[in-house]
Amino acid sequence: MVHLDAILVACAMVVGFCVIMMKFTGFWPCRIAEVFQVDSITCTKSFGENIDSMKSWIQTSLNLHYVLLSLHNT
């Protein structure tokens, strides 16, 4: 039997811990992406520009463009 409330509490605790650690270390997701040189993500870009960069990077690295086109054509 799966206890949904325990799963939700555990997920909330993990997210809370991550936010607290990011606050203490000063490394936010855009800074972490800069450190690991993930595609062209920088903290100087807007959130939308970073999302578009990630989307295009994922599409090219996983070759999802053709899958998305086939789903769109059906």
N, C-alpha and C. Protein backbone atom coordinates (compact mmCIF):
# COMPACT_ATOMS: atom_id res chain seq x y z
N MET A 1 0.84 -1.17 0.00
CA MET A 1 0.00 0.00 0.00
C MET A 1 0.89 1.25 0.00
N VAL A 2 0.64 2.10 -0.93
CA VAL A 2 1.44 3.32 -1.06
C VAL A 2 0.79 4.43 -0.23
N HIS A 3 1.59 5.06 0.59
CA HIS A 3 1.11 6.18 1.40
C HIS A 3 1.46 7.47 0.66
N LEU A 4 0.46 8.02 -0.01
CA LEU A 4 0.67 9.21 -0.83
C LEU A 4 1.12 10.39 0.02
N ASP A 5 0.59 10.51 1.21
CA ASP A 5 0.97 11.64 2.06
C ASP A 5 2.45 11.57 2.45
N ALA A 6 2.97 10.37 2.68
CA ALA A 6 4.39 10.23 3.01
C ALA A 6 5.27 10.60 1.81
N ILE A 7 4.82 10.24 0.62
CA ILE A 7 5.58 10.58 -0.60
C ILE A 7 5.58 12.09 -0.80
N LEU A 8 4.45 12.74 -0.61
CA LEU A 8 4.37 14.20 -0.77
C LEU A 8 5.23 14.92 0.26
N VAL A 9 5.20 14.46 1.50
CA VAL A 9 6.02 15.08 2.55
C VAL A 9 7.50 14.89 2.24
N ALA A 10 7.89 13.71 1.79
CA ALA A 10 9.29 13.46 1.45
C ALA A 10 9.74 14.35 0.30
N CYS A 11 8.91 14.50 -0.72
CA CYS A 11 9.26 15.38 -1.85
C CYS A 11 9.39 16.83 -1.39
N ALA A 12 8.48 17.28 -0.54
CA ALA A 12 8.55 18.65 -0.02
C ALA A 12 9.81 18.85 0.81
N MET A 13 10.20 17.84 1.58
CA MET A 13 11.41 17.95 2.38
C MET A 13 12.66 18.01 1.51
N VAL A 14 12.69 17.24 0.43
CA VAL A 14 13.83 17.27 -0.48
C VAL A 14 13.94 18.63 -1.14
N VAL A 15 12.81 19.17 -1.62
CA VAL A 15 12.83 20.49 -2.26
C VAL A 15 13.26 21.56 -1.25
N GLY A 16 12.73 21.49 -0.04
CA GLY A 16 13.10 22.45 1.00
C GLY A 16 14.58 22.39 1.33
N PHE A 17 15.12 21.18 1.45
CA PHE A 17 16.54 21.02 1.72
C PHE A 17 17.38 21.61 0.60
N CYS A 18 16.98 21.37 -0.65
CA CYS A 18 17.73 21.92 -1.79
C CYS A 18 17.72 23.44 -1.78
N VAL A 19 16.57 24.03 -1.47
CA VAL A 19 16.48 25.49 -1.43
C VAL A 19 17.35 26.04 -0.31
N ILE A 20 17.33 25.40 0.85
CA ILE A 20 18.17 25.86 1.97
C ILE A 20 19.65 25.76 1.62
N MET A 21 20.05 24.66 1.00
CA MET A 21 21.45 24.51 0.61
C MET A 21 21.85 25.53 -0.45
N MET A 22 20.96 25.81 -1.39
CA MET A 22 21.26 26.84 -2.39
C MET A 22 21.40 28.20 -1.73
N LYS A 23 20.59 28.47 -0.73
CA LYS A 23 20.66 29.75 -0.02
C LYS A 23 21.99 29.87 0.74
N PHE A 24 22.41 28.80 1.41
CA PHE A 24 23.67 28.82 2.16
C PHE A 24 24.89 28.93 1.26
N THR A 25 24.90 28.19 0.16
CA THR A 25 26.08 28.16 -0.71
C THR A 25 26.11 29.29 -1.70
N GLY A 26 24.96 29.86 -2.03
CA GLY A 26 24.90 30.91 -3.02
C GLY A 26 24.90 30.40 -4.45
N PHE A 27 24.85 29.10 -4.62
CA PHE A 27 24.80 28.51 -5.95
C PHE A 27 23.36 28.25 -6.33
N TRP A 28 22.82 29.07 -7.21
CA TRP A 28 21.47 28.89 -7.70
C TRP A 28 21.54 28.14 -9.02
N PRO A 29 20.43 27.61 -9.50
CA PRO A 29 20.48 26.76 -10.70
C PRO A 29 21.20 27.37 -11.90
N CYS A 30 21.04 28.65 -12.16
CA CYS A 30 21.74 29.24 -13.31
C CYS A 30 23.25 29.26 -13.06
N ARG A 31 23.67 29.51 -11.84
CA ARG A 31 25.11 29.51 -11.51
C ARG A 31 25.69 28.10 -11.60
N ILE A 32 24.94 27.11 -11.14
CA ILE A 32 25.39 25.72 -11.24
C ILE A 32 25.56 25.34 -12.70
N ALA A 33 24.62 25.76 -13.56
CA ALA A 33 24.72 25.47 -14.99
C ALA A 33 25.94 26.16 -15.60
N GLU A 34 26.26 27.37 -15.13
CA GLU A 34 27.45 28.07 -15.62
C GLU A 34 28.72 27.32 -15.22
N VAL A 35 28.77 26.85 -13.98
CA VAL A 35 29.95 26.15 -13.48
C VAL A 35 30.20 24.88 -14.29
N PHE A 36 29.14 24.13 -14.57
CA PHE A 36 29.28 22.88 -15.32
C PHE A 36 29.22 23.10 -16.83
N GLN A 37 29.15 24.36 -17.25
CA GLN A 37 29.13 24.75 -18.66
C GLN A 37 28.05 24.01 -19.45
N VAL A 38 26.84 24.07 -18.94
CA VAL A 38 25.70 23.44 -19.60
C VAL A 38 25.23 24.37 -20.70
N ASP A 39 25.44 23.94 -21.94
CA ASP A 39 25.01 24.65 -23.14
C ASP A 39 25.34 26.14 -23.04
N SER A 40 24.39 27.00 -23.25
CA SER A 40 24.65 28.44 -23.23
C SER A 40 23.82 29.11 -22.15
N ILE A 41 23.71 28.48 -21.00
CA ILE A 41 22.91 29.03 -19.91
C ILE A 41 23.79 29.93 -19.06
N THR A 42 23.31 31.14 -18.85
CA THR A 42 24.01 32.10 -17.99
C THR A 42 23.00 32.81 -17.11
N CYS A 43 23.48 33.38 -16.05
CA CYS A 43 22.61 34.12 -15.14
C CYS A 43 22.22 35.49 -15.70
N THR A 44 22.93 35.94 -16.75
CA THR A 44 22.61 37.24 -17.33
C THR A 44 21.42 37.16 -18.28
N LYS A 45 21.09 35.97 -18.75
CA LYS A 45 19.93 35.80 -19.63
C LYS A 45 18.66 35.73 -18.80
N SER A 46 17.55 35.99 -19.48
CA SER A 46 16.27 35.87 -18.79
C SER A 46 15.90 34.39 -18.64
N PHE A 47 14.93 34.14 -17.79
CA PHE A 47 14.48 32.77 -17.55
C PHE A 47 13.99 32.12 -18.84
N GLY A 48 13.22 32.87 -19.63
CA GLY A 48 12.69 32.34 -20.89
C GLY A 48 13.79 31.99 -21.88
N GLU A 49 14.82 32.84 -21.96
CA GLU A 49 15.94 32.56 -22.86
C GLU A 49 16.70 31.31 -22.43
N ASN A 50 16.88 31.14 -21.12
CA ASN A 50 17.56 29.93 -20.63
C ASN A 50 16.72 28.68 -20.90
N ILE A 51 15.40 28.79 -20.74
CA ILE A 51 14.53 27.65 -21.02
C ILE A 51 14.60 27.29 -22.51
N ASP A 52 14.58 28.30 -23.39
CA ASP A 52 14.69 28.05 -24.83
C ASP A 52 16.03 27.41 -25.18
N SER A 53 17.10 27.84 -24.53
CA SER A 53 18.41 27.25 -24.77
C SER A 53 18.43 25.79 -24.34
N MET A 54 17.86 25.50 -23.18
CA MET A 54 17.80 24.12 -22.70
C MET A 54 16.94 23.26 -23.62
N LYS A 55 15.83 23.82 -24.07
CA LYS A 55 14.94 23.06 -24.96
C LYS A 55 15.63 22.69 -26.25
N SER A 56 16.32 23.64 -26.86
CA SER A 56 17.02 23.36 -28.11
C SER A 56 18.19 22.40 -27.89
N TRP A 57 18.89 22.54 -26.73
CA TRP A 57 20.00 21.64 -26.42
C TRP A 57 19.50 20.21 -26.24
N ILE A 58 18.39 20.05 -25.54
CA ILE A 58 17.84 18.71 -25.32
C ILE A 58 17.37 18.11 -26.64
N GLN A 59 16.73 18.93 -27.47
CA GLN A 59 16.25 18.43 -28.75
C GLN A 59 17.39 17.96 -29.63
N THR A 60 18.47 18.72 -29.68
CA THR A 60 19.59 18.33 -30.53
C THR A 60 20.38 17.17 -29.95
N SER A 61 20.53 17.15 -28.63
CA SER A 61 21.33 16.07 -28.03
C SER A 61 20.58 14.74 -28.04
N LEU A 62 19.28 14.77 -27.90
CA LEU A 62 18.50 13.54 -27.89
C LEU A 62 17.81 13.27 -29.22
N ASN A 63 18.00 14.19 -30.16
CA ASN A 63 17.38 14.08 -31.48
C ASN A 63 15.87 13.95 -31.36
N LEU A 64 15.26 14.76 -30.51
CA LEU A 64 13.82 14.71 -30.30
C LEU A 64 13.04 15.50 -31.34
N HIS A 65 13.72 16.23 -32.17
CA HIS A 65 13.02 17.05 -33.15
C HIS A 65 12.14 16.18 -34.04
N TYR A 66 12.67 15.05 -34.47
CA TYR A 66 11.91 14.18 -35.35
C TYR A 66 10.74 13.52 -34.62
N VAL A 67 10.94 13.21 -33.35
CA VAL A 67 9.85 12.63 -32.56
C VAL A 67 8.76 13.65 -32.37
N LEU A 68 9.13 14.90 -32.06
CA LEU A 68 8.13 15.94 -31.87
C LEU A 68 7.38 16.23 -33.16
N LEU A 69 8.09 16.20 -34.29
CA LEU A 69 7.41 16.42 -35.56
C LEU A 69 6.44 15.29 -35.87
N SER A 70 6.82 14.06 -35.60
CA SER A 70 5.93 12.94 -35.87
C SER A 70 4.70 12.98 -34.97
N LEU A 71 4.86 13.42 -33.71
CA LEU A 71 3.72 13.56 -32.83
C LEU A 71 2.82 14.71 -33.28
N HIS A 72 3.41 15.76 -33.81
CA HIS A 72 2.63 16.91 -34.26
C HIS A 72 1.83 16.58 -35.52
N ASN A 73 2.36 15.73 -36.37
CA ASN A 73 1.70 15.39 -37.62
C ASN A 73 0.58 14.38 -37.47
N THR A 74 0.48 13.72 -36.32
CA THR A 74 -0.57 12.72 -36.15
C THR A 74 -1.88 13.32 -35.76
